[in-house]
Amino acid sequence: MKDKFYAYIQNLQDKIVAGLEAVDGTAKFREDLWKRPEGGGGRTRVIENGAVFEKGGVNISAVHGKLPETMQKMFGVGEADFFACGLSLVLHPKNPMAPTVHANWRYFEMYDEAGNVIQQWFGGGQDLTPYYLFEEDAKHFHQTCKTACDKHNPEFYPKYKKQCDSYFWNTHRNEARGLGGLFFDYCKANEQMSMENWYDFVTEVGNSFLEAYVPIVERRKNLPYTPENRTWQEIRRGRYVEFNLVHDKGTLFGLKTNGRIESILMSLPPHVQWVYDHHPEAGSEEEKLIRVLENPVDWI
């Protein structure tokens, strides 16, 4: 399974990068191959200062070795070997009318002393973080997520949509990071779903990403905007940074397993502001977004 899924994310990285370069029309992704001293490595691809994307990354990694002590405590196990691979992406468009997007799909295995698999699971999801609210974009993104889920189980979309709203919640701000999407983790074999079934589901979601995001960017990338719109975008990007550094499990996992810092922190936008005690003007488009972030919406 680990070989099968790693081959899948390598191929998916190629497809997503090609699709995004076509949208940008100017910039190309730069590739970095890296190795982790304890075992494994990855292929980081980053785009910067494009016509559409100010900064973004579509990264894959496959790491293995001894499970670090911090992770042993998290999983409630003793010494063990592990393998983890996944694709993680974040895209920050230049135009404030176009939303940031994040997605990842991952697989994890843990082994006993004899090398037998004792734990294995999938995780992942995709979520949208706009700076200005366009309801048709939110509905399109969520409908694409629902369509992918419904092919496998009609209960998946409402369940993983709710988990997404709960996970991407900036507790210290009491607001959502964005408009959500899907979030699933610890997807293990059970009576209803084998690991092969989970593989089929996770890859279905992965394959839906470009369909979920590209039409939105195409609609918004050339809309006019003001310096004030840009300032608002940078203030909201600050909340994005706060979530990733305070709450995000993927970021923390990378930092605690001696992951490659440049790849882990590629999710951070290049231009950000923290304005003291900032509040949008009453009745403004900016306030309209905040109202939705305070109370997650069912978009379908």
Protein backbone atom coordinates (compact mmCIF):
# COMPACT_ATOMS: atom_id res chain seq x y z
CA MET A 1 0.00 0.00 0.00
CA LYS A 2 2.77 2.47 0.84
CA ASP A 3 4.42 1.96 -2.56
CA LYS A 4 1.08 2.25 -4.35
CA PHE A 5 0.12 5.46 -2.59
CA TYR A 6 3.57 7.03 -2.99
CA ALA A 7 3.43 6.36 -6.73
CA TYR A 8 -0.02 7.96 -6.79
CA ILE A 9 1.05 11.20 -5.10
CA GLN A 10 4.08 11.51 -7.37
CA ASN A 11 1.77 11.38 -10.36
CA LEU A 12 -0.77 13.69 -8.73
CA GLN A 13 1.94 16.27 -8.01
CA ASP A 14 2.82 16.32 -11.72
CA LYS A 15 -0.84 16.77 -12.72
CA ILE A 16 -1.57 19.53 -10.21
CA VAL A 17 1.62 21.46 -11.02
CA ALA A 18 0.84 21.31 -14.75
CA GLY A 19 -2.72 22.49 -14.13
CA LEU A 20 -1.63 25.41 -11.95
CA GLU A 21 1.12 26.53 -14.34
CA ALA A 22 -1.52 26.68 -17.07
CA VAL A 23 -3.69 28.92 -14.85
CA ASP A 24 -0.78 31.24 -14.01
CA GLY A 25 0.45 31.47 -17.58
CA THR A 26 3.79 33.03 -16.59
CA ALA A 27 5.59 31.44 -13.66
CA LYS A 28 6.87 27.88 -13.39
CA PHE A 29 7.36 25.75 -10.30
CA ARG A 30 10.92 25.42 -9.01
CA GLU A 31 11.84 21.91 -7.85
CA ASP A 32 13.96 20.96 -4.86
CA LEU A 33 14.83 17.35 -4.06
CA TRP A 34 15.80 16.80 -0.45
CA LYS A 35 16.81 13.99 1.87
CA ARG A 36 16.04 13.49 5.54
CA PRO A 37 19.09 12.30 7.53
CA GLU A 38 16.99 9.81 9.53
CA GLY A 39 15.47 8.30 6.40
CA GLY A 40 13.49 9.32 3.36
CA GLY A 41 13.07 12.67 1.67
CA GLY A 42 10.87 14.54 -0.71
CA ARG A 43 10.25 16.61 -3.80
CA THR A 44 9.31 20.23 -3.11
CA ARG A 45 7.88 22.37 -5.91
CA VAL A 46 7.35 26.07 -5.29
CA ILE A 47 5.93 28.88 -7.44
CA GLU A 48 6.60 32.55 -6.64
CA ASN A 49 5.79 35.96 -8.09
CA GLY A 50 3.63 34.62 -10.89
CA ALA A 51 0.93 36.47 -12.79
CA VAL A 52 -1.70 34.74 -10.63
CA PHE A 53 0.07 32.99 -7.75
CA GLU A 54 2.12 35.16 -5.44
CA LYS A 55 3.41 32.10 -3.66
CA GLY A 56 2.52 28.43 -3.54
CA GLY A 57 3.89 24.97 -3.07
CA VAL A 58 2.92 21.46 -4.11
CA ASN A 59 5.12 19.13 -2.10
CA ILE A 60 5.48 15.39 -1.67
CA SER A 61 7.50 13.53 0.92
CA ALA A 62 8.11 9.99 2.11
CA VAL A 63 9.92 9.68 5.43
CA HIS A 64 10.72 6.68 7.62
CA GLY A 65 12.75 5.60 10.62
CA LYS A 66 12.36 5.51 14.38
CA LEU A 67 9.23 7.17 15.69
CA PRO A 68 10.38 10.29 17.62
CA GLU A 69 9.65 10.38 21.34
CA THR A 70 7.16 13.22 20.98
CA MET A 71 5.19 11.16 18.47
CA GLN A 72 5.38 8.04 20.66
CA LYS A 73 3.58 10.00 23.36
CA MET A 74 1.02 11.33 20.89
CA PHE A 75 0.17 7.81 19.65
CA GLY A 76 0.53 6.17 23.08
CA VAL A 77 3.18 3.66 21.95
CA GLY A 78 6.74 2.72 22.86
CA GLU A 79 9.64 2.57 20.46
CA ALA A 80 8.51 1.80 16.93
CA ASP A 81 9.47 2.34 13.31
CA PHE A 82 7.23 4.37 11.03
CA PHE A 83 6.68 5.34 7.41
CA ALA A 84 4.72 8.41 6.32
CA CYS A 85 4.13 9.85 2.88
CA GLY A 86 1.88 12.52 1.50
CA LEU A 87 1.24 15.42 -0.79
CA SER A 88 0.66 18.84 0.75
CA LEU A 89 -0.17 22.03 -1.12
CA VAL A 90 -0.93 25.66 -0.35
CA LEU A 91 -1.57 28.40 -2.94
CA HIS A 92 -1.72 32.13 -2.22
CA PRO A 93 -3.02 34.08 -5.23
CA LYS A 94 -1.98 37.71 -5.69
CA ASN A 95 -5.50 39.04 -6.32
CA PRO A 96 -7.44 39.46 -3.02
CA MET A 97 -10.60 38.34 -4.83
CA ALA A 98 -9.09 34.90 -5.44
CA PRO A 99 -9.00 32.54 -2.44
CA THR A 100 -6.09 30.77 -0.84
CA VAL A 101 -6.43 27.00 -0.92
CA HIS A 102 -4.87 24.17 1.05
CA ALA A 103 -5.01 20.42 0.53
CA ASN A 104 -3.17 17.30 1.57
CA TRP A 105 -3.51 13.56 1.27
CA ARG A 106 -1.33 11.28 3.40
CA TYR A 107 -0.66 7.71 4.47
CA PHE A 108 1.01 6.41 7.65
CA GLU A 109 2.33 3.03 8.77
CA MET A 110 3.86 1.87 12.05
CA TYR A 111 5.79 -1.38 12.59
CA ASP A 112 6.71 -3.77 15.39
CA GLU A 113 10.25 -5.04 16.03
CA ALA A 114 9.80 -7.78 13.41
CA GLY A 115 8.81 -5.22 10.77
CA ASN A 116 5.13 -6.17 10.70
CA VAL A 117 2.60 -3.39 10.10
CA ILE A 118 0.78 -2.77 13.39
CA GLN A 119 -0.96 0.48 12.45
CA GLN A 120 -1.90 2.03 9.11
CA TRP A 121 -4.23 4.82 8.12
CA PHE A 122 -5.03 7.51 5.58
CA GLY A 123 -5.78 11.16 6.19
CA GLY A 124 -6.25 14.35 4.25
CA GLY A 125 -8.69 16.87 2.86
CA GLN A 126 -8.98 20.19 1.06
CA ASP A 127 -10.25 23.57 2.22
CA LEU A 128 -10.83 27.08 0.87
CA THR A 129 -9.79 30.37 2.50
CA PRO A 130 -11.17 33.44 0.69
CA TYR A 131 -10.59 37.09 1.55
CA TYR A 132 -13.85 38.21 -0.04
CA LEU A 133 -16.98 36.10 0.00
CA PHE A 134 -18.39 34.86 -3.30
CA GLU A 135 -21.11 32.38 -2.44
CA GLU A 136 -21.00 30.70 -5.86
CA ASP A 137 -17.33 29.85 -5.22
CA ALA A 138 -18.12 28.33 -1.84
CA LYS A 139 -20.94 26.27 -3.33
CA HIS A 140 -18.80 25.07 -6.22
CA PHE A 141 -15.95 24.00 -3.95
CA HIS A 142 -18.23 22.16 -1.54
CA GLN A 143 -20.28 20.54 -4.31
CA THR A 144 -17.09 19.14 -5.86
CA CYS A 145 -16.09 17.76 -2.45
CA LYS A 146 -19.54 16.23 -1.95
CA THR A 147 -19.55 14.63 -5.41
CA ALA A 148 -16.21 12.92 -4.68
CA CYS A 149 -17.43 11.72 -1.28
CA ASP A 150 -20.82 10.49 -2.48
CA LYS A 151 -19.21 8.00 -4.85
CA HIS A 152 -18.01 6.11 -1.77
CA ASN A 153 -20.45 6.84 1.05
CA PRO A 154 -23.25 9.45 1.31
CA GLU A 155 -22.35 9.94 4.98
CA PHE A 156 -18.77 11.03 4.21
CA TYR A 157 -19.41 14.59 3.04
CA PRO A 158 -21.47 15.80 6.02
CA LYS A 159 -19.11 14.00 8.42
CA TYR A 160 -15.85 15.28 6.93
CA LYS A 161 -17.28 18.74 6.25
CA LYS A 162 -18.14 19.02 9.95
CA GLN A 163 -14.68 17.75 10.92
CA CYS A 164 -13.13 20.35 8.62
CA ASP A 165 -15.13 23.17 10.23
CA SER A 166 -14.01 21.92 13.63
CA TYR A 167 -10.34 21.39 12.74
CA PHE A 168 -9.64 24.64 10.87
CA TRP A 169 -10.90 26.72 13.77
CA ASN A 170 -8.66 29.42 15.21
CA THR A 171 -9.61 28.82 18.84
CA HIS A 172 -7.79 31.90 20.12
CA ARG A 173 -9.73 34.05 17.63
CA ASN A 174 -13.01 32.12 17.89
CA GLU A 175 -13.39 32.03 14.12
CA ALA A 176 -12.84 29.65 11.22
CA ARG A 177 -9.71 29.92 9.11
CA GLY A 178 -11.83 29.78 5.98
CA LEU A 179 -14.94 28.25 4.43
CA GLY A 180 -13.89 24.66 5.05
CA GLY A 181 -14.24 21.67 2.78
CA LEU A 182 -13.16 18.19 3.89
CA PHE A 183 -10.96 16.92 6.69
CA PHE A 184 -10.46 13.24 7.54
CA ASP A 185 -7.83 11.43 9.59
CA TYR A 186 -7.06 7.99 11.04
CA CYS A 187 -9.01 6.29 8.26
CA LYS A 188 -8.34 2.65 9.21
CA ALA A 189 -9.71 -0.65 7.97
CA ASN A 190 -13.08 -1.56 9.49
CA GLU A 191 -16.13 -3.69 8.66
CA GLN A 192 -17.31 -1.20 6.01
CA MET A 193 -13.99 -0.03 4.54
CA SER A 194 -10.83 -1.99 3.71
CA MET A 195 -7.53 -0.16 3.21
CA GLU A 196 -8.11 -0.58 -0.53
CA ASN A 197 -11.49 1.12 -0.14
CA TRP A 198 -9.85 3.97 1.75
CA TYR A 199 -7.22 4.26 -0.96
CA ASP A 200 -9.97 4.58 -3.57
CA PHE A 201 -11.72 7.27 -1.53
CA VAL A 202 -8.63 9.35 -0.76
CA THR A 203 -7.46 9.25 -4.38
CA GLU A 204 -10.96 10.25 -5.53
CA VAL A 205 -10.70 13.38 -3.39
CA GLY A 206 -7.15 14.04 -4.60
CA ASN A 207 -8.24 13.73 -8.21
CA SER A 208 -11.04 16.25 -7.61
CA PHE A 209 -8.75 19.06 -6.45
CA LEU A 210 -8.16 20.86 -9.74
CA GLU A 211 -11.86 20.67 -10.57
CA ALA A 212 -12.68 22.17 -7.16
CA TYR A 213 -10.23 25.07 -7.30
CA VAL A 214 -9.24 26.06 -10.84
CA PRO A 215 -12.67 27.35 -12.00
CA ILE A 216 -12.75 29.65 -8.95
CA VAL A 217 -9.33 31.12 -9.66
CA GLU A 218 -10.19 31.58 -13.32
CA ARG A 219 -13.28 33.61 -12.32
CA ARG A 220 -11.41 35.85 -9.85
CA LYS A 221 -7.81 36.22 -11.00
CA ASN A 222 -8.41 39.29 -13.20
CA LEU A 223 -10.99 41.15 -11.10
CA PRO A 224 -10.04 44.74 -10.22
CA TYR A 225 -8.96 45.47 -6.64
CA THR A 226 -7.81 48.43 -4.56
CA PRO A 227 -4.90 48.93 -2.13
CA GLU A 228 -7.48 48.65 0.65
CA ASN A 229 -8.54 45.22 -0.65
CA ARG A 230 -4.89 44.18 -0.61
CA THR A 231 -4.44 45.41 2.98
CA TRP A 232 -7.44 43.33 4.07
CA GLN A 233 -5.99 40.28 2.32
CA GLU A 234 -2.71 40.70 4.20
CA ILE A 235 -4.48 41.10 7.54
CA ARG A 236 -6.47 37.90 6.92
CA ARG A 237 -3.30 36.12 5.85
CA GLY A 238 -2.03 36.86 9.35
CA ARG A 239 -4.82 34.67 10.73
CA TYR A 240 -3.75 31.94 8.31
CA VAL A 241 -0.20 32.10 9.69
CA GLU A 242 -1.49 32.00 13.26
CA PHE A 243 -3.44 28.81 12.61
CA ASN A 244 -0.56 27.04 10.90
CA LEU A 245 1.96 27.84 13.62
CA VAL A 246 -0.32 27.35 16.64
CA HIS A 247 -2.80 24.61 15.74
CA ASP A 248 -1.89 22.72 12.57
CA LYS A 249 -0.97 19.07 13.23
CA GLY A 250 0.85 18.65 9.91
CA THR A 251 3.17 21.56 10.63
CA LEU A 252 3.85 20.27 14.13
CA PHE A 253 4.48 16.72 12.84
CA GLY A 254 7.01 18.03 10.35
CA LEU A 255 8.83 20.08 12.95
CA LYS A 256 8.91 17.22 15.47
CA THR A 257 10.18 14.64 12.96
CA ASN A 258 13.07 16.80 11.73
CA GLY A 259 11.32 17.53 8.47
CA ARG A 260 12.70 20.00 5.96
CA ILE A 261 11.94 23.46 7.36
CA GLU A 262 11.69 25.20 3.97
CA SER A 263 9.08 22.67 2.82
CA ILE A 264 7.11 22.81 6.06
CA LEU A 265 6.94 26.60 6.14
CA MET A 266 6.27 27.08 2.43
CA SER A 267 2.60 27.39 3.46
CA LEU A 268 3.28 30.86 4.87
CA PRO A 269 2.33 33.79 2.60
CA PRO A 270 5.02 36.29 1.56
CA HIS A 271 3.18 39.52 2.52
CA VAL A 272 1.27 39.59 5.82
CA GLN A 273 0.09 42.23 8.29
CA TRP A 274 -0.85 42.20 11.94
CA VAL A 275 -2.80 45.40 12.64
CA TYR A 276 -3.53 46.09 16.30
CA ASP A 277 -7.18 45.52 17.26
CA HIS A 278 -8.40 45.65 13.67
CA HIS A 279 -12.13 45.49 12.94
CA PRO A 280 -13.73 45.79 9.50
CA GLU A 281 -16.21 48.57 8.84
CA ALA A 282 -19.80 47.74 9.76
CA GLY A 283 -21.81 46.57 6.75
CA SER A 284 -18.72 46.16 4.54
CA GLU A 285 -17.78 43.23 2.34
CA GLU A 286 -14.97 42.52 4.79
CA GLU A 287 -17.40 42.26 7.69
CA LYS A 288 -19.62 39.99 5.60
CA LEU A 289 -16.76 37.48 5.45
CA ILE A 290 -16.15 37.69 9.20
CA ARG A 291 -19.82 36.93 9.97
CA VAL A 292 -19.55 33.70 7.95
CA LEU A 293 -16.26 32.72 9.59
CA GLU A 294 -17.84 33.05 13.04
CA ASN A 295 -20.60 30.58 12.18
CA PRO A 296 -19.81 27.83 9.62
CA VAL A 297 -22.37 27.60 6.81
CA ASP A 298 -23.86 24.57 5.06
CA TRP A 299 -23.16 25.56 1.46
CA ILE A 300 -25.14 22.77 -0.20
